[in-house]
Each structure stands twice: as C-alpha cells, then as structure tokens.
Amino acid sequence: MTRFAETETALLERLRALKAAPEMSLNLFDIGVPMAAAGFTQDEVMAVLDALEQDKVVAYGPGNRLQILKELPEG
C-alpha cells in the first residue's frame, strides 16, 4: 500500500469517526491534530484532502472548515 493510500484510509476513518455527512462542516483541526498524532504529516493529509476536493467530495470553507459535499468514498 502506498503512503497516499495509507493516508487516505486513515483520513476516511477519521471523517467517519466524526460522522461526516453531506452538508456537514468540520473544523480542519479536528481532522489534522489526530492525523498528526497518528504519524501523518500535514502535506500528506492535505494531498488526500486536495484529491477529495478535486473529486468534489469535500470543499474548503472559511475559518479552517471542511464542507462535506457528498457521501464519503469507500476506502
């Protein structure tokens, strides 16, 4: 498994733990701090979030928020 895939799996698990659902807004610190504690760098997390944004699953919002646009992919 690539590091990107590992990060993606961990990030999706974190989003599910936060009960992320469409039209929900999350604080990026609630995602980033536990991911960093699990050994993932900010660049790794942002690469996965950028990919999810490109796929229109999430969108960045004001105030360090992440807007969930549609159901999370299986991962």
C-alpha atoms as a PDB file:
ATOM      1  CA  MET A   1       0.000   0.000   0.000  1.00  0.00           C
ATOM      2  CA  THR A   2       1.368   3.436  -0.909  1.00  0.00           C
ATOM      3  CA  ARG A   3       1.742   6.157   1.685  1.00  0.00           C
ATOM      4  CA  PHE A   4      -1.008   8.130  -0.111  1.00  0.00           C
ATOM      5  CA  ALA A   5      -3.352   5.134   0.174  1.00  0.00           C
ATOM      6  CA  GLU A   6      -2.477   4.705   3.862  1.00  0.00           C
ATOM      7  CA  THR A   7      -3.171   8.380   4.482  1.00  0.00           C
ATOM      8  CA  GLU A   8      -6.425   8.227   2.534  1.00  0.00           C
ATOM      9  CA  THR A   9      -7.623   5.201   4.517  1.00  0.00           C
ATOM     10  CA  ALA A  10      -6.753   6.841   7.842  1.00  0.00           C
ATOM     11  CA  LEU A  11      -8.349  10.139   6.812  1.00  0.00           C
ATOM     12  CA  LEU A  12     -11.580   8.492   5.696  1.00  0.00           C
ATOM     13  CA  GLU A  13     -11.685   6.574   9.003  1.00  0.00           C
ATOM     14  CA  ARG A  14     -11.219   9.872  10.859  1.00  0.00           C
ATOM     15  CA  LEU A  15     -14.013  11.534   8.873  1.00  0.00           C
ATOM     16  CA  ARG A  16     -16.301   8.589   9.589  1.00  0.00           C
ATOM     17  CA  ALA A  17     -15.432   8.819  13.300  1.00  0.00           C
ATOM     18  CA  LEU A  18     -16.570  12.451  13.146  1.00  0.00           C
ATOM     19  CA  LYS A  19     -19.778  11.207  11.490  1.00  0.00           C
ATOM     20  CA  ALA A  20     -19.099  13.280   8.370  1.00  0.00           C
ATOM     21  CA  ALA A  21     -22.140  13.513   6.126  1.00  0.00           C
ATOM     22  CA  PRO A  22     -23.187  15.656   3.163  1.00  0.00           C
ATOM     23  CA  GLU A  23     -23.878  19.313   4.009  1.00  0.00           C
ATOM     24  CA  MET A  24     -21.854  18.990   7.227  1.00  0.00           C
ATOM     25  CA  SER A  25     -18.995  21.352   8.067  1.00  0.00           C
ATOM     26  CA  LEU A  26     -15.983  20.186  10.104  1.00  0.00           C
ATOM     27  CA  ASN A  27     -13.103  22.040  11.702  1.00  0.00           C
ATOM     28  CA  LEU A  28      -9.835  21.083   9.991  1.00  0.00           C
ATOM     29  CA  PHE A  29      -8.119  20.951  13.396  1.00  0.00           C
ATOM     30  CA  ASP A  30     -10.455  18.083  14.382  1.00  0.00           C
ATOM     31  CA  ILE A  31      -9.008  16.202  11.421  1.00  0.00           C
ATOM     32  CA  GLY A  32      -5.394  17.361  11.341  1.00  0.00           C
ATOM     33  CA  VAL A  33      -4.431  17.035  15.007  1.00  0.00           C
ATOM     34  CA  PRO A  34      -5.371  13.328  15.347  1.00  0.00           C
ATOM     35  CA  MET A  35      -3.852  12.594  11.934  1.00  0.00           C
ATOM     36  CA  ALA A  36      -0.569  14.197  13.033  1.00  0.00           C
ATOM     37  CA  ALA A  37      -0.691  12.218  16.273  1.00  0.00           C
ATOM     38  CA  ALA A  38      -1.065   9.066  14.166  1.00  0.00           C
ATOM     39  CA  GLY A  39       2.163   9.925  12.317  1.00  0.00           C
ATOM     40  CA  PHE A  40       0.874  11.605   9.157  1.00  0.00           C
ATOM     41  CA  THR A  41       2.335  14.915   8.008  1.00  0.00           C
ATOM     42  CA  GLN A  42       0.290  17.961   7.125  1.00  0.00           C
ATOM     43  CA  ASP A  43       1.446  17.621   3.499  1.00  0.00           C
ATOM     44  CA  GLU A  44       0.206  14.010   3.352  1.00  0.00           C
ATOM     45  CA  VAL A  45      -3.184  14.938   4.802  1.00  0.00           C
ATOM     46  CA  MET A  46      -3.538  17.944   2.501  1.00  0.00           C
ATOM     47  CA  ALA A  47      -2.672  15.832  -0.558  1.00  0.00           C
ATOM     48  CA  VAL A  48      -5.594  13.499   0.249  1.00  0.00           C
ATOM     49  CA  LEU A  49      -7.947  16.399   1.042  1.00  0.00           C
ATOM     50  CA  ASP A  50      -6.956  18.070  -2.241  1.00  0.00           C
ATOM     51  CA  ALA A  51      -7.757  14.841  -4.113  1.00  0.00           C
ATOM     52  CA  LEU A  52     -11.146  14.635  -2.364  1.00  0.00           C
ATOM     53  CA  GLU A  53     -11.786  18.280  -3.269  1.00  0.00           C
ATOM     54  CA  GLN A  54     -10.887  17.579  -6.906  1.00  0.00           C
ATOM     55  CA  ASP A  55     -13.421  14.722  -6.838  1.00  0.00           C
ATOM     56  CA  LYS A  56     -15.976  17.177  -5.366  1.00  0.00           C
ATOM     57  CA  VAL A  57     -16.413  15.100  -2.203  1.00  0.00           C
ATOM     58  CA  VAL A  58     -15.301  17.987   0.036  1.00  0.00           C
ATOM     59  CA  ALA A  59     -14.711  21.733  -0.282  1.00  0.00           C
ATOM     60  CA  TYR A  60     -12.564  24.057   1.783  1.00  0.00           C
ATOM     61  CA  GLY A  61     -14.526  26.731   3.601  1.00  0.00           C
ATOM     62  CA  PRO A  62     -13.754  29.879   5.546  1.00  0.00           C
ATOM     63  CA  GLY A  63     -12.383  29.659   9.054  1.00  0.00           C
ATOM     64  CA  ASN A  64     -10.399  26.426   8.573  1.00  0.00           C
ATOM     65  CA  ARG A  65     -13.571  24.487   7.814  1.00  0.00           C
ATOM     66  CA  LEU A  66     -14.099  21.499   5.552  1.00  0.00           C
ATOM     67  CA  GLN A  67     -17.520  21.164   3.933  1.00  0.00           C
ATOM     68  CA  ILE A  68     -18.655  17.623   3.117  1.00  0.00           C
ATOM     69  CA  LEU A  69     -20.413  17.729  -0.265  1.00  0.00           C
ATOM     70  CA  LYS A  70     -21.361  14.089  -0.806  1.00  0.00           C
ATOM     71  CA  GLU A  71     -21.072  10.633   0.705  1.00  0.00           C
ATOM     72  CA  LEU A  72     -17.533   9.560   1.524  1.00  0.00           C
ATOM     73  CA  PRO A  73     -15.973   7.002  -0.821  1.00  0.00           C
ATOM     74  CA  GLU A  74     -15.192   3.527   0.418  1.00  0.00           C
ATOM     75  CA  GLY A  75     -11.554   3.306   1.331  1.00  0.00           C
END
